[in-house]
PDB file of N, CA and C in Angstrom:
ATOM      1  N   MET A   1      97.116 105.101 115.723  1.00  0.00           N
ATOM      2  CA  MET A   1      96.946 103.845 116.420  1.00  0.00           C
ATOM      3  C   MET A   1      97.006 102.681 115.438  1.00  0.00           C
ATOM      4  N   GLU A   2      97.442 101.556 115.893  1.00  0.00           N
ATOM      5  CA  GLU A   2      97.533 100.389 115.034  1.00  0.00           C
ATOM      6  C   GLU A   2      96.138  99.883 114.673  1.00  0.00           C
ATOM      7  N   ILE A   3      95.973  99.502 113.431  1.00  0.00           N
ATOM      8  CA  ILE A   3      94.671  99.085 112.916  1.00  0.00           C
ATOM      9  C   ILE A   3      94.096  97.926 113.721  1.00  0.00           C
ATOM     10  N   LEU A   4      94.899  96.909 113.976  1.00  0.00           N
ATOM     11  CA  LEU A   4      94.387  95.736 114.689  1.00  0.00           C
ATOM     12  C   LEU A   4      94.031  96.060 116.142  1.00  0.00           C
ATOM     13  N   ALA A   5      94.795  96.943 116.764  1.00  0.00           N
ATOM     14  CA  ALA A   5      94.491  97.332 118.141  1.00  0.00           C
ATOM     15  C   ALA A   5      93.159  98.071 118.209  1.00  0.00           C
ATOM     16  N   VAL A   6      92.918  98.941 117.244  1.00  0.00           N
ATOM     17  CA  VAL A   6      91.650  99.671 117.219  1.00  0.00           C
ATOM     18  C   VAL A   6      90.496  98.724 116.936  1.00  0.00           C
ATOM     19  N   TYR A   7      90.698  97.797 116.017  1.00  0.00           N
ATOM     20  CA  TYR A   7      89.645  96.820 115.715  1.00  0.00           C
ATOM     21  C   TYR A   7      89.318  95.989 116.959  1.00  0.00           C
ATOM     22  N   ASP A   8      90.342  95.597 117.713  1.00  0.00           N
ATOM     23  CA  ASP A   8      90.103  94.813 118.928  1.00  0.00           C
ATOM     24  C   ASP A   8      89.297  95.606 119.952  1.00  0.00           C
ATOM     25  N   LEU A   9      89.450  96.913 119.962  1.00  0.00           N
ATOM     26  CA  LEU A   9      88.687  97.755 120.897  1.00  0.00           C
ATOM     27  C   LEU A   9      87.245  97.965 120.431  1.00  0.00           C
ATOM     28  N   THR A  10      87.058  98.084 119.121  1.00  0.00           N
ATOM     29  CA  THR A  10      85.738  98.441 118.606  1.00  0.00           C
ATOM     30  C   THR A  10      84.931  97.274 118.046  1.00  0.00           C
ATOM     31  N   PRO A  11      85.519  96.103 117.755  1.00  0.00           N
ATOM     32  CA  PRO A  11      85.076  95.005 116.901  1.00  0.00           C
ATOM     33  C   PRO A  11      84.181  95.419 115.731  1.00  0.00           C
ATOM     34  N   SER A  12      84.550  96.490 115.052  1.00  0.00           N
ATOM     35  CA  SER A  12      83.796  96.962 113.898  1.00  0.00           C
ATOM     36  C   SER A  12      84.782  97.422 112.837  1.00  0.00           C
ATOM     37  N   PHE A  13      84.639  96.864 111.623  1.00  0.00           N
ATOM     38  CA  PHE A  13      85.503  97.298 110.525  1.00  0.00           C
ATOM     39  C   PHE A  13      85.327  98.787 110.277  1.00  0.00           C
ATOM     40  N   TRP A  14      84.075  99.225 110.266  1.00  0.00           N
ATOM     41  CA  TRP A  14      83.767 100.625 109.951  1.00  0.00           C
ATOM     42  C   TRP A  14      84.334 101.573 111.004  1.00  0.00           C
ATOM     43  N   ASP A  15      84.092 101.268 112.290  1.00  0.00           N
ATOM     44  CA  ASP A  15      84.566 102.157 113.355  1.00  0.00           C
ATOM     45  C   ASP A  15      86.090 102.219 113.397  1.00  0.00           C
ATOM     46  N   ALA A  16      86.731 101.075 113.247  1.00  0.00           N
ATOM     47  CA  ALA A  16      88.194 101.057 113.241  1.00  0.00           C
ATOM     48  C   ALA A  16      88.738 101.850 112.053  1.00  0.00           C
ATOM     49  N   ALA A  17      88.072 101.743 110.918  1.00  0.00           N
ATOM     50  CA  ALA A  17      88.505 102.473 109.725  1.00  0.00           C
ATOM     51  C   ALA A  17      88.437 103.974 109.945  1.00  0.00           C
ATOM     52  N   VAL A  18      87.375 104.436 110.575  1.00  0.00           N
ATOM     53  CA  VAL A  18      87.221 105.870 110.828  1.00  0.00           C
ATOM     54  C   VAL A  18      88.327 106.368 111.754  1.00  0.00           C
ATOM     55  N   VAL A  19      88.598 105.621 112.811  1.00  0.00           N
ATOM     56  CA  VAL A  19      89.618 106.032 113.770  1.00  0.00           C
ATOM     57  C   VAL A  19      91.005 106.060 113.125  1.00  0.00           C
ATOM     58  N   CYS A  20      91.289 105.067 112.290  1.00  0.00           N
ATOM     59  CA  CYS A  20      92.627 104.947 111.690  1.00  0.00           C
ATOM     60  C   CYS A  20      92.784 105.734 110.397  1.00  0.00           C
ATOM     61  N   GLY A  21      91.684 106.222 109.846  1.00  0.00           N
ATOM     62  CA  GLY A  21      91.757 106.987 108.612  1.00  0.00           C
ATOM     63  C   GLY A  21      92.033 106.126 107.387  1.00  0.00           C
ATOM     64  N   VAL A  22      91.510 104.900 107.406  1.00  0.00           N
ATOM     65  CA  VAL A  22      91.672 103.986 106.272  1.00  0.00           C
ATOM     66  C   VAL A  22      90.299 103.471 105.852  1.00  0.00           C
ATOM     67  N   SER A  23      90.275 102.687 104.803  1.00  0.00           N
ATOM     68  CA  SER A  23      89.032 102.071 104.328  1.00  0.00           C
ATOM     69  C   SER A  23      88.657 100.904 105.228  1.00  0.00           C
ATOM     70  N   HIS A  24      87.361 100.637 105.328  1.00  0.00           N
ATOM     71  CA  HIS A  24      86.923  99.468 106.092  1.00  0.00           C
ATOM     72  C   HIS A  24      87.441  98.184 105.458  1.00  0.00           C
ATOM     73  N   ASN A  25      87.661  98.210 104.147  1.00  0.00           N
ATOM     74  CA  ASN A  25      88.223  97.036 103.471  1.00  0.00           C
ATOM     75  C   ASN A  25      89.670  96.787 103.901  1.00  0.00           C
ATOM     76  N   THR A  26      90.395  97.842 104.195  1.00  0.00           N
ATOM     77  CA  THR A  26      91.761  97.700 104.693  1.00  0.00           C
ATOM     78  C   THR A  26      91.749  97.030 106.058  1.00  0.00           C
ATOM     79  N   VAL A  27      90.857  97.483 106.927  1.00  0.00           N
ATOM     80  CA  VAL A  27      90.738  96.870 108.255  1.00  0.00           C
ATOM     81  C   VAL A  27      90.378  95.394 108.103  1.00  0.00           C
ATOM     82  N   ARG A  28      89.433  95.113 107.232  1.00  0.00           N
ATOM     83  CA  ARG A  28      89.003  93.729 107.011  1.00  0.00           C
ATOM     84  C   ARG A  28      90.175  92.860 106.551  1.00  0.00           C
ATOM     85  N   SER A  29      90.999  93.369 105.637  1.00  0.00           N
ATOM     86  CA  SER A  29      92.120  92.566 105.145  1.00  0.00           C
ATOM     87  C   SER A  29      93.166  92.339 106.236  1.00  0.00           C
ATOM     88  N   TYR A  30      93.390  93.315 107.111  1.00  0.00           N
ATOM     89  CA  TYR A  30      94.320  93.136 108.227  1.00  0.00           C
ATOM     90  C   TYR A  30      93.805  92.077 109.191  1.00  0.00           C
ATOM     91  N   VAL A  31      92.518  92.144 109.526  1.00  0.00           N
ATOM     92  CA  VAL A  31      91.931  91.182 110.461  1.00  0.00           C
ATOM     93  C   VAL A  31      91.954  89.776 109.859  1.00  0.00           C
ATOM     94  N   LYS A  32      91.622  89.665 108.584  1.00  0.00           N
ATOM     95  CA  LYS A  32      91.621  88.356 107.914  1.00  0.00           C
ATOM     96  C   LYS A  32      93.025  87.759 107.917  1.00  0.00           C
ATOM     97  N   ALA A  33      94.027  88.579 107.612  1.00  0.00           N
ATOM     98  CA  ALA A  33      95.410  88.089 107.612  1.00  0.00           C
ATOM     99  C   ALA A  33      95.817  87.611 108.994  1.00  0.00           C
ATOM    100  N   ARG A  34      95.462  88.363 110.016  1.00  0.00           N
ATOM    101  CA  ARG A  34      95.803  87.958 111.387  1.00  0.00           C
ATOM    102  C   ARG A  34      95.112  86.655 111.747  1.00  0.00           C
ATOM    103  N   ASP A  35      93.845  86.535 111.398  1.00  0.00           N
ATOM    104  CA  ASP A  35      93.092  85.323 111.725  1.00  0.00           C
ATOM    105  C   ASP A  35      93.651  84.091 111.018  1.00  0.00           C
ATOM    106  N   GLU A  36      94.232  84.299 109.849  1.00  0.00           N
ATOM    107  CA  GLU A  36      94.811  83.197 109.080  1.00  0.00           C
ATOM    108  C   GLU A  36      96.290  82.988 109.407  1.00  0.00           C
ATOM    109  N   GLY A  37      96.828  83.776 110.332  1.00  0.00           N
ATOM    110  CA  GLY A  37      98.216  83.632 110.742  1.00  0.00           C
ATOM    111  C   GLY A  37      99.218  84.186 109.746  1.00  0.00           C
ATOM    112  N   ARG A  38      98.752  85.076 108.876  1.00  0.00           N
ATOM    113  CA  ARG A  38      99.631  85.674 107.873  1.00  0.00           C
ATOM    114  C   ARG A  38     100.049  87.068 108.301  1.00  0.00           C
ATOM    115  N   GLN A  39     101.074  87.563 107.626  1.00  0.00           N
ATOM    116  CA  GLN A  39     101.530  88.941 107.827  1.00  0.00           C
ATOM    117  C   GLN A  39     100.479  89.896 107.250  1.00  0.00           C
ATOM    118  N   ALA A  40     100.300  91.038 107.887  1.00  0.00           N
ATOM    119  CA  ALA A  40      99.361  92.043 107.367  1.00  0.00           C
ATOM    120  C   ALA A  40      99.835  92.513 105.999  1.00  0.00           C
ATOM    121  N   PRO A  41      98.912  92.798 105.095  1.00  0.00           N
ATOM    122  CA  PRO A  41      99.313  93.266 103.760  1.00  0.00           C
ATOM    123  C   PRO A  41     100.092  94.572 103.836  1.00  0.00           C
ATOM    124  N   ILE A  42     100.974  94.751 102.881  1.00  0.00           N
ATOM    125  CA  ILE A  42     101.775  95.975 102.824  1.00  0.00           C
ATOM    126  C   ILE A  42     100.985  97.031 102.057  1.00  0.00           C
ATOM    127  N   ALA A  43     100.877  98.182 102.661  1.00  0.00           N
ATOM    128  CA  ALA A  43     100.136  99.275 102.022  1.00  0.00           C
ATOM    129  C   ALA A  43     100.895  99.757 100.794  1.00  0.00           C
ATOM    130  N   ARG A  44     100.173 100.035  99.756  1.00  0.00           N
ATOM    131  CA  ARG A  44     100.802 100.557  98.557  1.00  0.00           C
ATOM    132  C   ARG A  44     100.379 102.009  98.360  1.00  0.00           C
ATOM    133  N   GLN A  45     101.302 102.789  97.905  1.00  0.00           N
ATOM    134  CA  GLN A  45     101.036 104.195  97.645  1.00  0.00           C
ATOM    135  C   GLN A  45     100.558 104.352  96.213  1.00  0.00           C
ATOM    136  N   ARG A  46      99.457 105.011  96.050  1.00  0.00           N
ATOM    137  CA  ARG A  46      98.933 105.271  94.709  1.00  0.00           C
ATOM    138  C   ARG A  46      98.924 106.764  94.463  1.00  0.00           C
ATOM    139  N   GLY A  47      99.181 107.107  93.249  1.00  0.00           N
ATOM    140  CA  GLY A  47      99.123 108.513  92.877  1.00  0.00           C
ATOM    141  C   GLY A  47      97.681 108.948  92.675  1.00  0.00           C
ATOM    142  N   ARG A  48      97.501 110.221  92.618  1.00  0.00           N
ATOM    143  CA  ARG A  48      96.172 110.788  92.367  1.00  0.00           C
ATOM    144  C   ARG A  48      96.158 111.424  90.994  1.00  0.00           C
ATOM    145  N   ILE A  49      95.022 111.438  90.390  1.00  0.00           N
ATOM    146  CA  ILE A  49      94.888 112.025  89.061  1.00  0.00           C
ATOM    147  C   ILE A  49      95.196 113.527  89.099  1.00  0.00           C
ATOM    148  N   THR A  50      95.051 114.132  90.259  1.00  0.00           N
ATOM    149  CA  THR A  50      95.289 115.565  90.398  1.00  0.00           C
ATOM    150  C   THR A  50      96.724 115.907  90.798  1.00  0.00           C
ATOM    151  N   ASP A  51      97.555 114.909  91.110  1.00  0.00           N
ATOM    152  CA  ASP A  51      98.916 115.179  91.587  1.00  0.00           C
ATOM    153  C   ASP A  51      99.716 116.126  90.692  1.00  0.00           C
ATOM    154  N   PRO A  52      99.704 115.938  89.372  1.00  0.00           N
ATOM    155  CA  PRO A  52     100.498 116.845  88.538  1.00  0.00           C
ATOM    156  C   PRO A  52     100.017 118.301  88.586  1.00  0.00           C
ATOM    157  N   PHE A  53      98.799 118.512  89.037  1.00  0.00           N
ATOM    158  CA  PHE A  53      98.204 119.855  89.023  1.00  0.00           C
ATOM    159  C   PHE A  53      98.150 120.507  90.406  1.00  0.00           C
ATOM    160  N   LEU A  54      98.602 119.806  91.437  1.00  0.00           N
ATOM    161  CA  LEU A  54      98.489 120.338  92.797  1.00  0.00           C
ATOM    162  C   LEU A  54      99.176 121.682  93.007  1.00  0.00           C
ATOM    163  N   PRO A  55     100.398 121.875  92.523  1.00  0.00           N
ATOM    164  CA  PRO A  55     101.017 123.191  92.747  1.00  0.00           C
ATOM    165  C   PRO A  55     100.180 124.336  92.171  1.00  0.00           C
ATOM    166  N   GLN A  56      99.640 124.139  90.976  1.00  0.00           N
ATOM    167  CA  GLN A  56      98.825 125.186  90.356  1.00  0.00           C
ATOM    168  C   GLN A  56      97.531 125.397  91.134  1.00  0.00           C
ATOM    169  N   MET A  57      96.909 124.298  91.565  1.00  0.00           N
ATOM    170  CA  MET A  57      95.660 124.407  92.327  1.00  0.00           C
ATOM    171  C   MET A  57      95.896 125.151  93.643  1.00  0.00           C
ATOM    172  N   LYS A  58      96.995 124.828  94.330  1.00  0.00           N
ATOM    173  CA  LYS A  58      97.321 125.528  95.580  1.00  0.00           C
ATOM    174  C   LYS A  58      97.533 127.016  95.329  1.00  0.00           C
ATOM    175  N   SER A  59      98.175 127.321  94.222  1.00  0.00           N
ATOM    176  CA  SER A  59      98.419 128.719  93.870  1.00  0.00           C
ATOM    177  C   SER A  59      97.103 129.466  93.670  1.00  0.00           C
ATOM    178  N   TRP A  60      96.169 128.858  92.956  1.00  0.00           N
ATOM    179  CA  TRP A  60      94.868 129.503  92.734  1.00  0.00           C
ATOM    180  C   TRP A  60      94.121 129.722  94.043  1.00  0.00           C
ATOM    181  N   VAL A  61      94.184 128.745  94.922  1.00  0.00           N
ATOM    182  CA  VAL A  61      93.491 128.875  96.212  1.00  0.00           C
ATOM    183  C   VAL A  61      94.126 129.989  97.027  1.00  0.00           C
ATOM    184  N   GLN A  62      95.457 130.052  97.042  1.00  0.00           N
ATOM    185  CA  GLN A  62      96.138 131.107  97.797  1.00  0.00           C
ATOM    186  C   GLN A  62      95.848 132.484  97.213  1.00  0.00           C
ATOM    187  N   GLN A  63      95.901 132.594  95.888  1.00  0.00           N
ATOM    188  CA  GLN A  63      95.649 133.883  95.241  1.00  0.00           C
ATOM    189  C   GLN A  63      94.231 134.378  95.498  1.00  0.00           C
ATOM    190  N   SER A  64      93.294 133.442  95.570  1.00  0.00           N
ATOM    191  CA  SER A  64      91.892 133.829  95.785  1.00  0.00           C
ATOM    192  C   SER A  64      91.532 133.880  97.271  1.00  0.00           C
ATOM    193  N   ARG A  65      92.519 133.595  98.112  1.00  0.00           N
ATOM    194  CA  ARG A  65      92.289 133.533  99.566  1.00  0.00           C
ATOM    195  C   ARG A  65      91.177 132.544  99.903  1.00  0.00           C
ATOM    196  N   GLY A  66      91.168 131.434  99.182  1.00  0.00           N
ATOM    197  CA  GLY A  66      90.211 130.361  99.445  1.00  0.00           C
ATOM    198  C   GLY A  66      88.835 130.596  98.867  1.00  0.00           C
ATOM    199  N   LYS A  67      88.661 131.596  98.040  1.00  0.00           N
ATOM    200  CA  LYS A  67      87.338 131.941  97.508  1.00  0.00           C
ATOM    201  C   LYS A  67      87.051 131.350  96.131  1.00  0.00           C
ATOM    202  N   ILE A  68      88.035 130.717  95.496  1.00  0.00           N
ATOM    203  CA  ILE A  68      87.820 130.174  94.157  1.00  0.00           C
ATOM    204  C   ILE A  68      86.867 128.982  94.232  1.00  0.00           C
ATOM    205  N   ARG A  69      85.945 128.911  93.294  1.00  0.00           N
ATOM    206  CA  ARG A  69      84.956 127.829  93.269  1.00  0.00           C
ATOM    207  C   ARG A  69      85.519 126.609  92.555  1.00  0.00           C
ATOM    208  N   GLY A  70      84.997 125.462  92.899  1.00  0.00           N
ATOM    209  CA  GLY A  70      85.442 124.220  92.305  1.00  0.00           C
ATOM    210  C   GLY A  70      85.239 124.159  90.801  1.00  0.00           C
ATOM    211  N   ASP A  71      84.118 124.698  90.322  1.00  0.00           N
ATOM    212  CA  ASP A  71      83.867 124.656  88.881  1.00  0.00           C
ATOM    213  C   ASP A  71      84.865 125.529  88.123  1.00  0.00           C
ATOM    214  N   VAL A  72      85.305 126.604  88.743  1.00  0.00           N
ATOM    215  CA  VAL A  72      86.289 127.471  88.112  1.00  0.00           C
ATOM    216  C   VAL A  72      87.644 126.760  88.075  1.00  0.00           C
ATOM    217  N   VAL A  73      87.997 126.091  89.167  1.00  0.00           N
ATOM    218  CA  VAL A  73      89.247 125.334  89.200  1.00  0.00           C
ATOM    219  C   VAL A  73      89.217 124.250  88.124  1.00  0.00           C
ATOM    220  N   HIS A  74      88.101 123.548  88.010  1.00  0.00           N
ATOM    221  CA  HIS A  74      87.998 122.485  87.005  1.00  0.00           C
ATOM    222  C   HIS A  74      88.166 123.034  85.598  1.00  0.00           C
ATOM    223  N   GLU A  75      87.523 124.149  85.334  1.00  0.00           N
ATOM    224  CA  GLU A  75      87.623 124.775  84.009  1.00  0.00           C
ATOM    225  C   GLU A  75      89.087 125.118  83.686  1.00  0.00           C
ATOM    226  N   LYS A  76      89.793 125.666  84.670  1.00  0.00           N
ATOM    227  CA  LYS A  76      91.199 126.015  84.474  1.00  0.00           C
ATOM    228  C   LYS A  76      92.053 124.761  84.297  1.00  0.00           C
ATOM    229  N   LEU A  77      91.748 123.709  85.055  1.00  0.00           N
ATOM    230  CA  LEU A  77      92.507 122.467  84.945  1.00  0.00           C
ATOM    231  C   LEU A  77      92.324 121.811  83.581  1.00  0.00           C
ATOM    232  N   VAL A  78      91.106 121.819  83.070  1.00  0.00           N
ATOM    233  CA  VAL A  78      90.841 121.248  81.746  1.00  0.00           C
ATOM    234  C   VAL A  78      91.688 121.970  80.699  1.00  0.00           C
ATOM    235  N   ALA A  79      91.808 123.280  80.831  1.00  0.00           N
ATOM    236  CA  ALA A  79      92.633 124.052  79.893  1.00  0.00           C
ATOM    237  C   ALA A  79      94.110 123.648  79.978  1.00  0.00           C
ATOM    238  N   LEU A  80      94.522 123.106  81.143  1.00  0.00           N
ATOM    239  CA  LEU A  80      95.903 122.661  81.324  1.00  0.00           C
ATOM    240  C   LEU A  80      96.096 121.195  80.942  1.00  0.00           C
ATOM    241  N   GLY A  81      94.996 120.511  80.542  1.00  0.00           N
ATOM    242  CA  GLY A  81      95.109 119.122  80.122  1.00  0.00           C
ATOM    243  C   GLY A  81      94.600 118.093  81.105  1.00  0.00           C
ATOM    244  N   TYR A  82      93.928 118.522  82.154  1.00  0.00           N
ATOM    245  CA  TYR A  82      93.361 117.605  83.153  1.00  0.00           C
ATOM    246  C   TYR A  82      92.264 116.773  82.509  1.00  0.00           C
ATOM    247  N   GLY A  83      92.274 115.461  82.764  1.00  0.00           N
ATOM    248  CA  GLY A  83      91.304 114.573  82.141  1.00  0.00           C
ATOM    249  C   GLY A  83      90.187 114.111  83.048  1.00  0.00           C
ATOM    250  N   GLY A  84      90.195 114.488  84.317  1.00  0.00           N
ATOM    251  CA  GLY A  84      89.162 114.049  85.250  1.00  0.00           C
ATOM    252  C   GLY A  84      87.901 114.881  85.122  1.00  0.00           C
ATOM    253  N   SER A  85      86.826 114.339  85.675  1.00  0.00           N
ATOM    254  CA  SER A  85      85.568 115.072  85.642  1.00  0.00           C
ATOM    255  C   SER A  85      85.543 116.104  86.763  1.00  0.00           C
ATOM    256  N   ILE A  86      84.529 116.933  86.752  1.00  0.00           N
ATOM    257  CA  ILE A  86      84.386 117.937  87.807  1.00  0.00           C
ATOM    258  C   ILE A  86      84.115 117.268  89.156  1.00  0.00           C
ATOM    259  N   ARG A  87      83.597 116.050  89.119  1.00  0.00           N
ATOM    260  CA  ARG A  87      83.269 115.339  90.349  1.00  0.00           C
ATOM    261  C   ARG A  87      84.394 114.441  90.851  1.00  0.00           C
ATOM    262  N   THR A  88      85.503 114.395  90.147  1.00  0.00           N
ATOM    263  CA  THR A  88      86.636 113.586  90.578  1.00  0.00           C
ATOM    264  C   THR A  88      87.288 114.258  91.759  1.00  0.00           C
ATOM    265  N   PRO A  89      87.207 113.646  92.936  1.00  0.00           N
ATOM    266  CA  PRO A  89      87.849 114.276  94.096  1.00  0.00           C
ATOM    267  C   PRO A  89      89.360 114.221  93.977  1.00  0.00           C
ATOM    268  N   ALA A  90      90.021 115.104  94.683  1.00  0.00           N
ATOM    269  CA  ALA A  90      91.478 115.175  94.626  1.00  0.00           C
ATOM    270  C   ALA A  90      92.128 113.909  95.189  1.00  0.00           C
ATOM    271  N   THR A  91      91.362 113.086  95.893  1.00  0.00           N
ATOM    272  CA  THR A  91      91.936 111.875  96.486  1.00  0.00           C
ATOM    273  C   THR A  91      91.716 110.649  95.630  1.00  0.00           C
ATOM    274  N   CYS A  92      91.089 110.782  94.483  1.00  0.00           N
ATOM    275  CA  CYS A  92      90.857 109.629  93.621  1.00  0.00           C
ATOM    276  C   CYS A  92      92.128 109.243  92.888  1.00  0.00           C
ATOM    277  N   SER A  93      92.274 107.966  92.683  1.00  0.00           N
ATOM    278  CA  SER A  93      93.402 107.511  91.889  1.00  0.00           C
ATOM    279  C   SER A  93      92.934 107.210  90.479  1.00  0.00           C
ATOM    280  N   PRO A  94      93.810 107.384  89.503  1.00  0.00           N
ATOM    281  CA  PRO A  94      93.394 107.118  88.140  1.00  0.00           C
ATOM    282  C   PRO A  94      93.132 105.640  87.918  1.00  0.00           C
ATOM    283  N   GLY A  95      92.183 105.369  87.027  1.00  0.00           N
ATOM    284  CA  GLY A  95      91.933 103.996  86.651  1.00  0.00           C
ATOM    285  C   GLY A  95      90.847 103.353  87.317  1.00  0.00           C
TER     286      GLY A  95
END
């Protein structure tokens, strides 16, 4: 659903964000742009710190039938040169 349409139904940045699968700040920026008569901001694609390691991570999960623990995956990733912490989610962007 379109972000602004959902916001108009819910009048809540948070609720619209949950429905649309975006950040509440994204909803806020769309609403602000509309209120100011501007075009909505263009979404930018950002890479994830885990992107270079995804094929290997998927392989480990498949081989273990989903039983591999996160700490074990992190240990293996560090050996491959991963620089993120154990708490860095796969959806985080570097920087």
